Amino acid sequence: MKTLNKAVLMLFMISAIVAIIGCKGEGGDSSVQADLGKSIETIKSEAAKMDVETLKAKAVQFKNAIMSKESQVNELMEKMKVEGGATKLIEEKNEITAELEALMNSIKDLKVRYDVYMGYLIEKKADITGLSLS
């Protein structure tokens, strides 16, 4: 019975995490969300016309969104670890794995767009100090 209660509690916690992550969107920034709806070619075309300050602002927005998603990935990875010597239920691991996959795809999309803005900043020989993802 104790194990069943723990399993139910874990499923509830995972559901809450998924709901919270889903509500945050792509880093919580409507500009980032809007850019994710655009093709890469459109973003490149728009970025080519932007001044350095606008490009920096876009790069910062995407950097923050990427870092937020990476933090969420780290939190979910912690949940995948073995707790108390017992392995998590397979269903829980499958749910977490699916969420991790969605987050990783989101990070990939964010990085592609971030790279566009960073590329134009570098092309314009702008100071990119502090804009690195590492």
C-alpha atoms as a PDB file:
ATOM      1  CA  MET A   1       0.000   0.000   0.000  1.00  0.00           C
ATOM      2  CA  LYS A   2       2.846   2.375   0.857  1.00  0.00           C
ATOM      3  CA  THR A   3       4.422   1.780  -2.562  1.00  0.00           C
ATOM      4  CA  LEU A   4       1.105   2.475  -4.285  1.00  0.00           C
ATOM      5  CA  ASN A   5       0.763   5.766  -2.394  1.00  0.00           C
ATOM      6  CA  LYS A   6       4.284   6.767  -3.457  1.00  0.00           C
ATOM      7  CA  ALA A   7       3.519   5.863  -7.067  1.00  0.00           C
ATOM      8  CA  VAL A   8       0.318   7.920  -7.052  1.00  0.00           C
ATOM      9  CA  LEU A   9       2.149  10.863  -5.472  1.00  0.00           C
ATOM     10  CA  MET A  10       4.928  10.658  -8.077  1.00  0.00           C
ATOM     11  CA  LEU A  11       2.409  10.569 -10.939  1.00  0.00           C
ATOM     12  CA  PHE A  12       0.670  13.608  -9.457  1.00  0.00           C
ATOM     13  CA  MET A  13       3.982  15.462  -9.174  1.00  0.00           C
ATOM     14  CA  ILE A  14       4.936  14.630 -12.748  1.00  0.00           C
ATOM     15  CA  SER A  15       1.538  15.791 -13.992  1.00  0.00           C
ATOM     16  CA  ALA A  16       1.980  19.067 -12.110  1.00  0.00           C
ATOM     17  CA  ILE A  17       5.442  19.577 -13.620  1.00  0.00           C
ATOM     18  CA  VAL A  18       4.161  18.900 -17.126  1.00  0.00           C
ATOM     19  CA  ALA A  19       1.295  21.354 -16.569  1.00  0.00           C
ATOM     20  CA  ILE A  20       3.653  24.041 -15.270  1.00  0.00           C
ATOM     21  CA  ILE A  21       6.104  23.568 -18.140  1.00  0.00           C
ATOM     22  CA  GLY A  22       3.270  23.629 -20.644  1.00  0.00           C
ATOM     23  CA  CYS A  23       1.999  26.926 -19.227  1.00  0.00           C
ATOM     24  CA  LYS A  24       5.392  28.585 -19.526  1.00  0.00           C
ATOM     25  CA  GLY A  25       5.518  28.248 -23.310  1.00  0.00           C
ATOM     26  CA  GLU A  26       8.869  28.928 -24.941  1.00  0.00           C
ATOM     27  CA  GLY A  27      10.638  30.683 -22.125  1.00  0.00           C
ATOM     28  CA  GLY A  28       7.580  32.802 -21.351  1.00  0.00           C
ATOM     29  CA  ASP A  29       8.434  35.479 -23.953  1.00  0.00           C
ATOM     30  CA  SER A  30       5.803  36.271 -26.592  1.00  0.00           C
ATOM     31  CA  SER A  31       8.493  37.566 -28.979  1.00  0.00           C
ATOM     32  CA  VAL A  32      10.322  34.233 -28.793  1.00  0.00           C
ATOM     33  CA  GLN A  33       7.025  32.401 -29.244  1.00  0.00           C
ATOM     34  CA  ALA A  34       6.233  34.525 -32.313  1.00  0.00           C
ATOM     35  CA  ASP A  35       9.664  33.852 -33.817  1.00  0.00           C
ATOM     36  CA  LEU A  36       9.180  30.113 -33.360  1.00  0.00           C
ATOM     37  CA  GLY A  37       6.170  30.380 -35.643  1.00  0.00           C
ATOM     38  CA  LYS A  38       8.283  31.900 -38.416  1.00  0.00           C
ATOM     39  CA  SER A  39      10.426  30.049 -40.904  1.00  0.00           C
ATOM     40  CA  ILE A  40      14.196  30.269 -40.566  1.00  0.00           C
ATOM     41  CA  GLU A  41      14.338  32.079 -43.922  1.00  0.00           C
ATOM     42  CA  THR A  42      11.919  34.732 -42.626  1.00  0.00           C
ATOM     43  CA  ILE A  43      13.974  35.168 -39.464  1.00  0.00           C
ATOM     44  CA  LYS A  44      17.170  35.497 -41.516  1.00  0.00           C
ATOM     45  CA  SER A  45      15.530  38.093 -43.738  1.00  0.00           C
ATOM     46  CA  GLU A  46      14.285  40.119 -40.765  1.00  0.00           C
ATOM     47  CA  ALA A  47      17.567  39.772 -38.863  1.00  0.00           C
ATOM     48  CA  ALA A  48      19.544  41.046 -41.853  1.00  0.00           C
ATOM     49  CA  LYS A  49      17.673  44.357 -41.539  1.00  0.00           C
ATOM     50  CA  MET A  50      18.055  44.712 -37.756  1.00  0.00           C
ATOM     51  CA  ASP A  51      20.511  47.017 -36.029  1.00  0.00           C
ATOM     52  CA  VAL A  52      23.027  45.675 -33.523  1.00  0.00           C
ATOM     53  CA  GLU A  53      20.955  46.571 -30.441  1.00  0.00           C
ATOM     54  CA  THR A  54      17.865  44.784 -31.779  1.00  0.00           C
ATOM     55  CA  LEU A  55      19.945  41.738 -32.697  1.00  0.00           C
ATOM     56  CA  LYS A  56      21.462  41.709 -29.197  1.00  0.00           C
ATOM     57  CA  ALA A  57      18.011  41.938 -27.618  1.00  0.00           C
ATOM     58  CA  LYS A  58      16.803  39.007 -29.724  1.00  0.00           C
ATOM     59  CA  ALA A  59      19.911  36.967 -28.880  1.00  0.00           C
ATOM     60  CA  VAL A  60      19.356  37.635 -25.152  1.00  0.00           C
ATOM     61  CA  GLN A  61      15.695  36.587 -25.414  1.00  0.00           C
ATOM     62  CA  PHE A  62      16.641  33.317 -27.062  1.00  0.00           C
ATOM     63  CA  LYS A  63      19.563  32.723 -24.717  1.00  0.00           C
ATOM     64  CA  ASN A  64      17.213  33.106 -21.738  1.00  0.00           C
ATOM     65  CA  ALA A  65      14.612  30.808 -23.300  1.00  0.00           C
ATOM     66  CA  ILE A  66      17.269  28.165 -24.031  1.00  0.00           C
ATOM     67  CA  MET A  67      18.670  28.372 -20.511  1.00  0.00           C
ATOM     68  CA  SER A  68      15.157  28.053 -19.063  1.00  0.00           C
ATOM     69  CA  LYS A  69      14.487  24.922 -21.136  1.00  0.00           C
ATOM     70  CA  GLU A  70      17.864  23.448 -20.197  1.00  0.00           C
ATOM     71  CA  SER A  71      17.031  24.011 -16.541  1.00  0.00           C
ATOM     72  CA  GLN A  72      13.754  22.158 -17.039  1.00  0.00           C
ATOM     73  CA  VAL A  73      15.651  19.296 -18.695  1.00  0.00           C
ATOM     74  CA  ASN A  74      18.002  19.100 -15.707  1.00  0.00           C
ATOM     75  CA  GLU A  75      15.048  18.973 -13.306  1.00  0.00           C
ATOM     76  CA  LEU A  76      13.459  16.130 -15.257  1.00  0.00           C
ATOM     77  CA  MET A  77      16.764  14.261 -15.448  1.00  0.00           C
ATOM     78  CA  GLU A  78      16.942  14.377 -11.660  1.00  0.00           C
ATOM     79  CA  LYS A  79      13.503  12.774 -11.521  1.00  0.00           C
ATOM     80  CA  MET A  80      14.770   9.942 -13.720  1.00  0.00           C
ATOM     81  CA  LYS A  81      17.387   8.977 -11.166  1.00  0.00           C
ATOM     82  CA  VAL A  82      16.837   6.121  -8.782  1.00  0.00           C
ATOM     83  CA  GLU A  83      15.225   7.223  -5.523  1.00  0.00           C
ATOM     84  CA  GLY A  84      15.627   5.371  -2.235  1.00  0.00           C
ATOM     85  CA  GLY A  85      17.165   2.337  -3.890  1.00  0.00           C
ATOM     86  CA  ALA A  86      13.961   1.526  -5.824  1.00  0.00           C
ATOM     87  CA  THR A  87      13.478   2.097  -9.523  1.00  0.00           C
ATOM     88  CA  LYS A  88      10.722   4.396 -10.685  1.00  0.00           C
ATOM     89  CA  LEU A  89       7.705   2.914 -12.369  1.00  0.00           C
ATOM     90  CA  ILE A  90       8.113   2.371 -16.102  1.00  0.00           C
ATOM     91  CA  GLU A  91       5.098   4.577 -16.870  1.00  0.00           C
ATOM     92  CA  GLU A  92       6.658   7.471 -14.976  1.00  0.00           C
ATOM     93  CA  LYS A  93       9.924   7.067 -16.847  1.00  0.00           C
ATOM     94  CA  ASN A  94       8.066   6.972 -20.165  1.00  0.00           C
ATOM     95  CA  GLU A  95       6.223  10.202 -19.316  1.00  0.00           C
ATOM     96  CA  ILE A  96       9.424  11.932 -18.248  1.00  0.00           C
ATOM     97  CA  THR A  97      11.228  10.646 -21.335  1.00  0.00           C
ATOM     98  CA  ALA A  98       8.483  12.043 -23.589  1.00  0.00           C
ATOM     99  CA  GLU A  99       8.683  15.415 -21.823  1.00  0.00           C
ATOM    100  CA  LEU A 100      12.474  15.415 -22.141  1.00  0.00           C
ATOM    101  CA  GLU A 101      12.195  14.708 -25.847  1.00  0.00           C
ATOM    102  CA  ALA A 102       9.762  17.616 -26.296  1.00  0.00           C
ATOM    103  CA  LEU A 103      12.074  19.938 -24.353  1.00  0.00           C
ATOM    104  CA  MET A 104      15.114  18.872 -26.363  1.00  0.00           C
ATOM    105  CA  ASN A 105      13.253  19.540 -29.631  1.00  0.00           C
ATOM    106  CA  SER A 106      12.237  22.945 -28.302  1.00  0.00           C
ATOM    107  CA  ILE A 107      15.839  23.738 -27.349  1.00  0.00           C
ATOM    108  CA  LYS A 108      16.978  22.705 -30.828  1.00  0.00           C
ATOM    109  CA  ASP A 109      14.448  25.086 -32.447  1.00  0.00           C
ATOM    110  CA  LEU A 110      15.462  27.906 -30.099  1.00  0.00           C
ATOM    111  CA  LYS A 111      19.172  27.379 -30.816  1.00  0.00           C
ATOM    112  CA  VAL A 112      18.675  27.514 -34.586  1.00  0.00           C
ATOM    113  CA  ARG A 113      17.042  30.925 -34.255  1.00  0.00           C
ATOM    114  CA  TYR A 114      19.568  32.103 -31.648  1.00  0.00           C
ATOM    115  CA  ASP A 115      22.357  31.159 -34.077  1.00  0.00           C
ATOM    116  CA  VAL A 116      20.780  33.351 -36.789  1.00  0.00           C
ATOM    117  CA  TYR A 117      20.857  36.421 -34.535  1.00  0.00           C
ATOM    118  CA  MET A 118      24.361  35.636 -33.279  1.00  0.00           C
ATOM    119  CA  GLY A 119      25.588  35.136 -36.848  1.00  0.00           C
ATOM    120  CA  TYR A 120      24.426  38.600 -37.854  1.00  0.00           C
ATOM    121  CA  LEU A 121      25.956  40.109 -34.718  1.00  0.00           C
ATOM    122  CA  ILE A 122      29.287  38.510 -35.562  1.00  0.00           C
ATOM    123  CA  GLU A 123      28.957  39.621 -39.189  1.00  0.00           C
ATOM    124  CA  LYS A 124      28.416  43.201 -37.976  1.00  0.00           C
ATOM    125  CA  LYS A 125      31.449  42.820 -35.685  1.00  0.00           C
ATOM    126  CA  ALA A 126      29.307  43.589 -32.631  1.00  0.00           C
ATOM    127  CA  ASP A 127      30.465  42.973 -29.086  1.00  0.00           C
ATOM    128  CA  ILE A 128      28.858  39.644 -28.145  1.00  0.00           C
ATOM    129  CA  THR A 129      30.266  39.511 -24.633  1.00  0.00           C
ATOM    130  CA  GLY A 130      27.778  37.800 -22.347  1.00  0.00           C
ATOM    131  CA  LEU A 131      25.651  36.411 -25.169  1.00  0.00           C
ATOM    132  CA  SER A 132      27.312  32.995 -25.270  1.00  0.00           C
ATOM    133  CA  LEU A 133      25.269  29.971 -24.200  1.00  0.00           C
ATOM    134  CA  SER A 134      28.148  28.458 -22.244  1.00  0.00           C
END
